[in-house]
Amino acid sequence: MITHAVERIAADYDCHAVEGTFSCNMRKFVLEGDKVVLNAKNPAEPPATFKVELDDIYNVDIVMATAGPRMRVEAERPTGACGREGWIGL
């Protein structure tokens, strides 16, 4: 149901949800839970079979592209993240 809603919104803006992006539930100190919803339909992956319950918290990552559902890989650049201990280079 969530995947279908993301695809309808993408169609309204004439773009595509990028393959490999997903949304998942969160808990305290756990950013990626066990309930995962793909944002783009993938025939190789079975659809999610769980119920969104009251008071569930979800991290919704939506990435759209106008060229197509696959991203092209260009030169990689170093990235980093800011955590409790400060800046961490990845």
C-alpha atoms as a PDB file:
ATOM      1  CA  MET A   1       0.000   0.000   0.000  1.00  0.00           C
ATOM      2  CA  ILE A   2       2.835   2.425   0.843  1.00  0.00           C
ATOM      3  CA  THR A   3       4.755   1.446  -2.296  1.00  0.00           C
ATOM      4  CA  HIS A   4       1.638   2.052  -4.372  1.00  0.00           C
ATOM      5  CA  ALA A   5       1.178   5.513  -2.832  1.00  0.00           C
ATOM      6  CA  VAL A   6       4.812   6.460  -3.566  1.00  0.00           C
ATOM      7  CA  GLU A   7       4.423   5.312  -7.187  1.00  0.00           C
ATOM      8  CA  ARG A   8       1.196   7.313  -7.623  1.00  0.00           C
ATOM      9  CA  ILE A   9       2.853  10.467  -6.295  1.00  0.00           C
ATOM     10  CA  ALA A  10       5.846   9.885  -8.581  1.00  0.00           C
ATOM     11  CA  ALA A  11       3.497   9.521 -11.564  1.00  0.00           C
ATOM     12  CA  ASP A  12       1.782  12.812 -10.659  1.00  0.00           C
ATOM     13  CA  TYR A  13       5.147  14.595 -10.874  1.00  0.00           C
ATOM     14  CA  ASP A  14       6.261  12.652 -13.984  1.00  0.00           C
ATOM     15  CA  CYS A  15       9.190  10.906 -12.281  1.00  0.00           C
ATOM     16  CA  HIS A  16      10.102   7.486 -10.840  1.00  0.00           C
ATOM     17  CA  ALA A  17      10.883   6.176  -7.370  1.00  0.00           C
ATOM     18  CA  VAL A  18      14.513   5.040  -7.350  1.00  0.00           C
ATOM     19  CA  GLU A  19      15.107   1.301  -6.952  1.00  0.00           C
ATOM     20  CA  GLY A  20      16.860   0.238  -3.781  1.00  0.00           C
ATOM     21  CA  THR A  21      15.359   2.950  -1.590  1.00  0.00           C
ATOM     22  CA  PHE A  22      13.145   1.925   1.282  1.00  0.00           C
ATOM     23  CA  SER A  23      11.313   3.078   4.377  1.00  0.00           C
ATOM     24  CA  CYS A  24      11.428   1.209   7.677  1.00  0.00           C
ATOM     25  CA  ASN A  25      10.220   1.377  11.242  1.00  0.00           C
ATOM     26  CA  MET A  26      12.298   2.919  14.024  1.00  0.00           C
ATOM     27  CA  ARG A  27      12.673   2.393  17.750  1.00  0.00           C
ATOM     28  CA  LYS A  28      14.765   4.055  20.417  1.00  0.00           C
ATOM     29  CA  PHE A  29      18.440   3.638  19.435  1.00  0.00           C
ATOM     30  CA  VAL A  30      17.442   1.542  16.357  1.00  0.00           C
ATOM     31  CA  LEU A  31      17.216   3.496  13.088  1.00  0.00           C
ATOM     32  CA  GLU A  32      16.425   0.579  10.754  1.00  0.00           C
ATOM     33  CA  GLY A  33      13.875  -1.828  12.171  1.00  0.00           C
ATOM     34  CA  ASP A  34      12.570  -5.112  10.858  1.00  0.00           C
ATOM     35  CA  LYS A  35       9.523  -3.746   9.000  1.00  0.00           C
ATOM     36  CA  VAL A  36      10.880  -2.637   5.607  1.00  0.00           C
ATOM     37  CA  VAL A  37       8.831  -1.187   2.740  1.00  0.00           C
ATOM     38  CA  LEU A  38      10.413  -0.800  -0.710  1.00  0.00           C
ATOM     39  CA  ASN A  39       9.626   2.533  -2.373  1.00  0.00           C
ATOM     40  CA  ALA A  40       9.726   1.053  -5.893  1.00  0.00           C
ATOM     41  CA  LYS A  41       8.214  -2.273  -6.940  1.00  0.00           C
ATOM     42  CA  ASN A  42      10.811  -4.948  -7.586  1.00  0.00           C
ATOM     43  CA  PRO A  43       9.658  -8.264  -9.104  1.00  0.00           C
ATOM     44  CA  ALA A  44      12.562 -10.102  -7.442  1.00  0.00           C
ATOM     45  CA  GLU A  45      11.474  -9.018  -3.938  1.00  0.00           C
ATOM     46  CA  PRO A  46       8.214 -10.255  -2.412  1.00  0.00           C
ATOM     47  CA  PRO A  47       5.940  -7.469  -1.153  1.00  0.00           C
ATOM     48  CA  ALA A  48       6.007  -6.613   2.543  1.00  0.00           C
ATOM     49  CA  THR A  49       3.443  -8.531   4.582  1.00  0.00           C
ATOM     50  CA  PHE A  50       2.993  -6.706   7.870  1.00  0.00           C
ATOM     51  CA  LYS A  51       0.473  -4.354   9.372  1.00  0.00           C
ATOM     52  CA  VAL A  52       1.293  -0.758  10.290  1.00  0.00           C
ATOM     53  CA  GLU A  53       0.110  -0.495  13.857  1.00  0.00           C
ATOM     54  CA  LEU A  54      -0.888   2.432  16.031  1.00  0.00           C
ATOM     55  CA  ASP A  55       2.109   4.321  17.487  1.00  0.00           C
ATOM     56  CA  ASP A  56       4.584   2.795  14.981  1.00  0.00           C
ATOM     57  CA  ILE A  57       7.269   5.256  13.921  1.00  0.00           C
ATOM     58  CA  TYR A  58       8.650   5.097  10.389  1.00  0.00           C
ATOM     59  CA  ASN A  59      11.617   6.655   8.648  1.00  0.00           C
ATOM     60  CA  VAL A  60      10.369   7.528   5.164  1.00  0.00           C
ATOM     61  CA  ASP A  61      13.223   7.894   2.665  1.00  0.00           C
ATOM     62  CA  ILE A  62      11.925   8.904  -0.745  1.00  0.00           C
ATOM     63  CA  VAL A  63      14.272   9.425  -3.680  1.00  0.00           C
ATOM     64  CA  MET A  64      12.813  10.363  -7.069  1.00  0.00           C
ATOM     65  CA  ALA A  65      14.443  10.624 -10.485  1.00  0.00           C
ATOM     66  CA  THR A  66      13.156  11.938 -13.791  1.00  0.00           C
ATOM     67  CA  ALA A  67      15.398   9.780 -15.999  1.00  0.00           C
ATOM     68  CA  GLY A  68      14.271   6.379 -14.716  1.00  0.00           C
ATOM     69  CA  PRO A  69      14.120   4.122 -11.691  1.00  0.00           C
ATOM     70  CA  ARG A  70      17.851   3.315 -11.730  1.00  0.00           C
ATOM     71  CA  MET A  71      20.530   5.736 -10.650  1.00  0.00           C
ATOM     72  CA  ARG A  72      23.682   6.054 -12.713  1.00  0.00           C
ATOM     73  CA  VAL A  73      26.951   5.757 -10.873  1.00  0.00           C
ATOM     74  CA  GLU A  74      29.456   8.548 -11.373  1.00  0.00           C
ATOM     75  CA  ALA A  75      32.684   9.354  -9.581  1.00  0.00           C
ATOM     76  CA  GLU A  76      32.354   8.518  -5.912  1.00  0.00           C
ATOM     77  CA  ARG A  77      33.033  11.207  -3.341  1.00  0.00           C
ATOM     78  CA  PRO A  78      33.909  10.650   0.307  1.00  0.00           C
ATOM     79  CA  THR A  79      31.044  11.124   2.709  1.00  0.00           C
ATOM     80  CA  GLY A  80      30.740  11.465   6.455  1.00  0.00           C
ATOM     81  CA  ALA A  81      28.234  11.580   9.238  1.00  0.00           C
ATOM     82  CA  CYS A  82      27.878  13.476  12.482  1.00  0.00           C
ATOM     83  CA  GLY A  83      27.336  11.263  15.522  1.00  0.00           C
ATOM     84  CA  ARG A  84      27.508  11.554  19.289  1.00  0.00           C
ATOM     85  CA  GLU A  85      31.318  11.574  19.183  1.00  0.00           C
ATOM     86  CA  GLY A  86      31.459  14.276  16.505  1.00  0.00           C
ATOM     87  CA  TRP A  87      32.227  14.080  12.783  1.00  0.00           C
ATOM     88  CA  ILE A  88      32.909  10.569  11.485  1.00  0.00           C
ATOM     89  CA  GLY A  89      34.437  10.107   8.029  1.00  0.00           C
ATOM     90  CA  LEU A  90      32.987   7.153   6.146  1.00  0.00           C
END
